[in-house]
Amino acid sequence: MIWHTWHFYYALILVIKAVCCRIGIALGVKLEF
């Protein structure tokens, strides 16, 4: 249970980081253009 929970949160953090990066790039493009 503990390992599965750790992997779940680890994957969740990676997804959040990827989404934040995409949002940042989208905002950057909007700011540039």
C-alpha atoms as a PDB file:
ATOM      1  CA  MET A   1       0.000   0.000   0.000  1.00  0.00           C
ATOM      2  CA  ILE A   2       2.743   2.448   0.979  1.00  0.00           C
ATOM      3  CA  TRP A   3       4.781   1.836  -2.181  1.00  0.00           C
ATOM      4  CA  HIS A   4       1.709   2.076  -4.402  1.00  0.00           C
ATOM      5  CA  THR A   5       0.727   5.354  -2.717  1.00  0.00           C
ATOM      6  CA  TRP A   6       4.271   6.700  -3.162  1.00  0.00           C
ATOM      7  CA  HIS A   7       4.255   5.820  -6.869  1.00  0.00           C
ATOM      8  CA  PHE A   8       0.803   7.409  -7.217  1.00  0.00           C
ATOM      9  CA  TYR A   9       1.933  10.711  -5.697  1.00  0.00           C
ATOM     10  CA  TYR A  10       5.210  10.619  -7.659  1.00  0.00           C
ATOM     11  CA  ALA A  11       3.321  10.166 -10.939  1.00  0.00           C
ATOM     12  CA  LEU A  12       0.847  12.869  -9.892  1.00  0.00           C
ATOM     13  CA  ILE A  13       3.701  15.330  -9.271  1.00  0.00           C
ATOM     14  CA  LEU A  14       5.215  14.550 -12.687  1.00  0.00           C
ATOM     15  CA  VAL A  15       1.840  15.180 -14.353  1.00  0.00           C
ATOM     16  CA  ILE A  16       1.411  18.479 -12.489  1.00  0.00           C
ATOM     17  CA  LYS A  17       4.915  19.583 -13.500  1.00  0.00           C
ATOM     18  CA  ALA A  18       4.231  18.687 -17.148  1.00  0.00           C
ATOM     19  CA  VAL A  19       0.939  20.614 -17.080  1.00  0.00           C
ATOM     20  CA  CYS A  20       2.602  23.639 -15.447  1.00  0.00           C
ATOM     21  CA  CYS A  21       5.347  23.584 -18.086  1.00  0.00           C
ATOM     22  CA  ARG A  22       2.769  23.480 -20.903  1.00  0.00           C
ATOM     23  CA  ILE A  23       0.790  26.319 -19.313  1.00  0.00           C
ATOM     24  CA  GLY A  24       3.971  28.342 -18.875  1.00  0.00           C
ATOM     25  CA  ILE A  25       4.921  27.812 -22.528  1.00  0.00           C
ATOM     26  CA  ALA A  26       1.383  28.730 -23.620  1.00  0.00           C
ATOM     27  CA  LEU A  27       1.479  31.918 -21.521  1.00  0.00           C
ATOM     28  CA  GLY A  28       4.952  32.709 -22.831  1.00  0.00           C
ATOM     29  CA  VAL A  29       3.762  32.371 -26.423  1.00  0.00           C
ATOM     30  CA  LYS A  30       0.737  34.571 -25.661  1.00  0.00           C
ATOM     31  CA  LEU A  31       2.987  37.184 -24.049  1.00  0.00           C
ATOM     32  CA  GLU A  32       5.418  37.137 -26.992  1.00  0.00           C
ATOM     33  CA  PHE A  33       2.699  37.343 -29.634  1.00  0.00           C
END
